[in-house]
Amino acid sequence: MRHRRVADLMTPTAVTVRPATAFKEIARLLQEFDITAVPVVDGTRHPVGVVSEADLLRRRTVGGTPTAEDLMTSPAVTARPEWSVVRAARVMQRHGVKRLPVVDAGGRVIGVISRSDLIRLFLRPDRAISEEIVEDVLTRSLGIAPSSITVDVEDGSVTLSGTVPRPELLPVVVRLCQSVDGVVDVDNRLTCAPVAADSV
């Protein structure tokens, strides 16, 4: 079981601008590509900042003709393609940003991941969520027979019913199900299997 990676959800080959790119050109690119921000890169595609729609609106009165360098938020907070989407979401939250340029091992921009990309996780089909819980959580991770637990998923909400062999597994099953990408909520109706008389 693994969380989806940034590489799975990012928009590749991101539109970028240079520090000297003018205000109007940035506005045109945002409109043309239907995006809300653009990374600012140097001559080797290393990010030096990000210009968002909010930056354009805030700084449109800068004297002369403002450039990306005048408008950008810097330094750029970046992500790596191998990161889990959970890590990317936490970095966005920590820094109060809505998107992260994604950089390769050399620090060059190769894509962008946004909050809207992360939200797509919660649009995973219920069947895919159910299969991951049964195959990865119950069978592979915990060695629980799938026949002992019923997994119902509706709009990302998971209902677990049935029995687990040992009481200490109850919180573990719930926690692992909550960590599956696309799960919105877990309704735990599990019980512990009774201890056989000859095992007492």
Protein backbone atom coordinates (compact mmCIF):
# COMPACT_ATOMS: atom_id res chain seq x y z
CA MET A 1 0.00 0.00 0.00
CA ARG A 2 1.40 3.38 -0.93
CA HIS A 3 0.18 6.91 -1.32
CA ARG A 4 0.15 8.33 -4.82
CA ARG A 5 3.27 10.29 -5.67
CA VAL A 6 3.56 13.87 -6.82
CA ALA A 7 4.69 12.50 -10.20
CA ASP A 8 1.34 10.72 -10.57
CA LEU A 9 -0.73 13.90 -10.23
CA MET A 10 1.44 16.84 -11.28
CA THR A 11 1.00 18.77 -14.49
CA PRO A 12 4.22 18.03 -16.42
CA THR A 13 6.29 20.41 -18.54
CA ALA A 14 5.07 23.40 -16.59
CA VAL A 15 4.64 26.80 -18.23
CA THR A 16 7.41 29.00 -16.86
CA VAL A 17 8.58 32.60 -17.19
CA ARG A 18 11.92 34.32 -16.74
CA PRO A 19 12.62 37.09 -14.19
CA ALA A 20 12.48 39.70 -16.95
CA THR A 21 9.08 38.59 -18.32
CA ALA A 22 6.69 41.56 -18.34
CA PHE A 23 3.41 41.85 -16.44
CA LYS A 24 1.19 41.65 -19.52
CA GLU A 25 2.96 38.57 -20.87
CA ILE A 26 2.48 36.78 -17.54
CA ALA A 27 -1.22 37.72 -17.53
CA ARG A 28 -1.54 36.42 -21.11
CA LEU A 29 0.07 33.08 -20.22
CA LEU A 30 -2.18 32.60 -17.20
CA GLN A 31 -5.23 33.19 -19.37
CA GLU A 32 -4.02 31.16 -22.36
CA PHE A 33 -3.15 28.06 -20.34
CA ASP A 34 -6.00 28.49 -17.82
CA ILE A 35 -3.65 28.44 -14.84
CA THR A 36 -3.52 30.57 -11.70
CA ALA A 37 0.25 30.83 -11.21
CA VAL A 38 3.51 30.32 -13.04
CA PRO A 39 7.01 29.44 -11.79
CA VAL A 40 9.79 31.96 -12.44
CA VAL A 41 13.00 30.21 -13.53
CA ASP A 42 16.54 31.26 -14.28
CA GLY A 43 18.49 30.33 -17.41
CA THR A 44 18.98 26.75 -16.20
CA ARG A 45 15.28 26.21 -15.28
CA HIS A 46 15.97 26.48 -11.55
CA PRO A 47 13.00 28.12 -9.79
CA VAL A 48 13.60 31.51 -8.23
CA GLY A 49 9.99 32.35 -7.39
CA VAL A 50 6.31 32.02 -8.34
CA VAL A 51 3.93 34.64 -9.76
CA SER A 52 0.24 34.08 -9.04
CA GLU A 53 -2.93 35.91 -10.06
CA ALA A 54 -2.95 37.39 -6.57
CA ASP A 55 0.57 38.75 -7.11
CA LEU A 56 -0.54 40.40 -10.36
CA LEU A 57 -3.51 42.06 -8.68
CA ARG A 58 -1.46 43.17 -5.69
CA ARG A 59 1.41 44.67 -7.63
CA ARG A 60 -0.20 46.02 -10.78
CA THR A 61 0.63 49.56 -9.65
CA VAL A 62 4.40 48.98 -9.48
CA GLY A 63 6.18 51.89 -11.16
CA GLY A 64 7.22 51.44 -14.79
CA THR A 65 6.56 48.06 -16.38
CA PRO A 66 6.67 45.42 -13.63
CA THR A 67 8.42 42.15 -14.42
CA ALA A 68 8.18 38.69 -12.94
CA GLU A 69 11.11 39.55 -10.69
CA ASP A 70 9.14 42.52 -9.28
CA LEU A 71 5.95 40.51 -8.85
CA MET A 72 7.05 37.05 -7.73
CA THR A 73 6.88 35.47 -4.32
CA SER A 74 10.37 34.26 -3.52
CA PRO A 75 11.99 31.92 -2.75
CA ALA A 76 9.91 29.27 -4.47
CA VAL A 77 8.70 26.42 -2.26
CA THR A 78 9.18 23.25 -4.33
CA ALA A 79 8.29 19.56 -4.33
CA ARG A 80 10.03 16.46 -5.65
CA PRO A 81 8.31 13.96 -7.98
CA GLU A 82 8.94 11.04 -5.62
CA TRP A 83 7.20 12.72 -2.68
CA SER A 84 3.89 11.30 -1.50
CA VAL A 85 0.96 13.60 -2.14
CA VAL A 86 0.44 13.70 1.62
CA ARG A 87 3.86 15.30 2.05
CA ALA A 88 3.13 17.79 -0.74
CA ALA A 89 -0.18 18.73 0.89
CA ARG A 90 1.52 19.30 4.23
CA VAL A 91 4.17 21.52 2.65
CA MET A 92 1.46 23.58 0.93
CA GLN A 93 -0.36 23.98 4.23
CA ARG A 94 2.79 24.86 6.17
CA HIS A 95 3.82 27.57 3.72
CA GLY A 96 0.32 28.83 2.91
CA VAL A 97 0.64 28.20 -0.85
CA LYS A 98 -1.77 26.64 -3.34
CA ARG A 99 0.77 25.07 -5.68
CA LEU A 100 4.35 23.82 -5.78
CA PRO A 101 6.80 23.74 -8.70
CA VAL A 102 8.12 20.17 -8.99
CA VAL A 103 11.88 19.89 -9.48
CA ASP A 104 14.09 17.02 -10.56
CA ALA A 105 17.26 15.85 -8.80
CA GLY A 106 19.15 18.75 -10.37
CA GLY A 107 16.65 21.31 -9.06
CA ARG A 108 15.13 22.07 -12.49
CA VAL A 109 11.39 22.60 -12.90
CA ILE A 110 9.64 19.62 -14.52
CA GLY A 111 6.04 20.27 -13.49
CA VAL A 112 3.62 21.84 -11.04
CA ILE A 113 1.30 20.26 -8.48
CA SER A 114 -1.64 22.26 -7.15
CA ARG A 115 -4.31 21.84 -4.51
CA SER A 116 -6.80 21.04 -7.27
CA ASP A 117 -4.55 18.14 -8.33
CA LEU A 118 -4.63 16.80 -4.77
CA ILE A 119 -8.41 17.09 -4.63
CA ARG A 120 -8.59 14.66 -7.57
CA LEU A 121 -7.58 11.92 -5.14
CA PHE A 122 -10.97 12.20 -3.50
CA LEU A 123 -12.61 11.51 -6.85
CA ARG A 124 -11.16 7.98 -7.00
CA PRO A 125 -13.83 5.41 -7.86
CA ASP A 126 -15.31 3.66 -4.84
CA ARG A 127 -14.44 0.30 -6.38
CA ALA A 128 -10.74 1.23 -6.57
CA ILE A 129 -10.77 2.28 -2.91
CA SER A 130 -12.51 -0.95 -1.88
CA GLU A 131 -10.04 -3.09 -3.84
CA GLU A 132 -7.06 -1.33 -2.27
CA ILE A 133 -8.44 -1.85 1.23
CA VAL A 134 -9.17 -5.53 0.65
CA GLU A 135 -6.00 -6.40 -1.25
CA ASP A 136 -3.40 -4.11 0.32
CA VAL A 137 -4.65 -3.31 3.83
CA LEU A 138 -6.39 -6.52 4.86
CA THR A 139 -4.62 -9.21 2.86
CA ARG A 140 -1.04 -8.02 2.27
CA SER A 141 -0.43 -5.71 5.24
CA LEU A 142 -2.38 -7.45 8.01
CA GLY A 143 -2.88 -11.01 6.76
CA ILE A 144 -6.61 -10.90 7.50
CA ALA A 145 -8.86 -13.11 5.40
CA PRO A 146 -11.00 -10.82 3.21
CA SER A 147 -13.99 -13.08 3.86
CA SER A 148 -14.01 -12.03 7.53
CA ILE A 149 -14.54 -8.32 6.82
CA THR A 150 -17.06 -6.61 4.57
CA VAL A 151 -15.86 -3.36 2.98
CA ASP A 152 -18.57 -1.05 1.65
CA VAL A 153 -17.54 2.24 0.01
CA GLU A 154 -19.93 4.99 -1.02
CA ASP A 155 -18.67 8.37 -2.21
CA GLY A 156 -15.35 7.72 -0.46
CA SER A 157 -16.96 6.84 2.88
CA VAL A 158 -15.89 3.38 4.04
CA THR A 159 -17.99 1.09 6.25
CA LEU A 160 -16.17 -1.85 7.82
CA SER A 161 -18.15 -4.72 9.29
CA GLY A 162 -17.19 -8.22 10.37
CA THR A 163 -14.59 -9.58 12.75
CA VAL A 164 -10.86 -9.32 13.30
CA PRO A 165 -8.94 -12.17 14.94
CA ARG A 166 -7.34 -10.08 17.70
CA PRO A 167 -8.57 -6.93 19.51
CA GLU A 168 -5.31 -5.03 18.97
CA LEU A 169 -5.97 -5.14 15.21
CA LEU A 170 -9.15 -3.03 15.46
CA PRO A 171 -7.46 0.41 15.61
CA VAL A 172 -4.80 -0.69 13.13
CA VAL A 173 -7.37 -1.65 10.48
CA VAL A 174 -9.18 1.67 10.88
CA ARG A 175 -5.98 3.73 10.79
CA LEU A 176 -4.70 2.02 7.64
CA CYS A 177 -8.06 2.41 5.92
CA GLN A 178 -8.10 6.11 6.78
CA SER A 179 -4.70 6.47 5.11
CA VAL A 180 -5.89 5.07 1.76
CA ASP A 181 -5.99 7.78 -0.89
CA GLY A 182 -9.55 8.86 -1.60
CA VAL A 183 -11.02 7.79 1.74
CA VAL A 184 -13.17 10.54 3.24
CA ASP A 185 -14.36 8.77 6.39
CA VAL A 186 -14.32 5.32 8.03
CA ASP A 187 -17.35 3.91 9.89
CA ASN A 188 -15.94 1.17 12.11
CA ARG A 189 -18.45 -1.59 12.88
CA LEU A 190 -15.84 -4.29 13.43
CA THR A 191 -15.86 -6.66 16.35
CA CYS A 192 -13.26 -9.05 17.70
CA ALA A 193 -13.71 -12.76 17.03
CA PRO A 194 -14.53 -14.71 20.23
CA VAL A 195 -11.65 -16.63 21.73
CA ALA A 196 -11.99 -20.35 21.20
CA ALA A 197 -12.64 -22.32 24.41
CA ASP A 198 -9.67 -24.65 23.88
CA SER A 199 -7.32 -21.66 23.58
CA VAL A 200 -8.14 -20.35 27.08
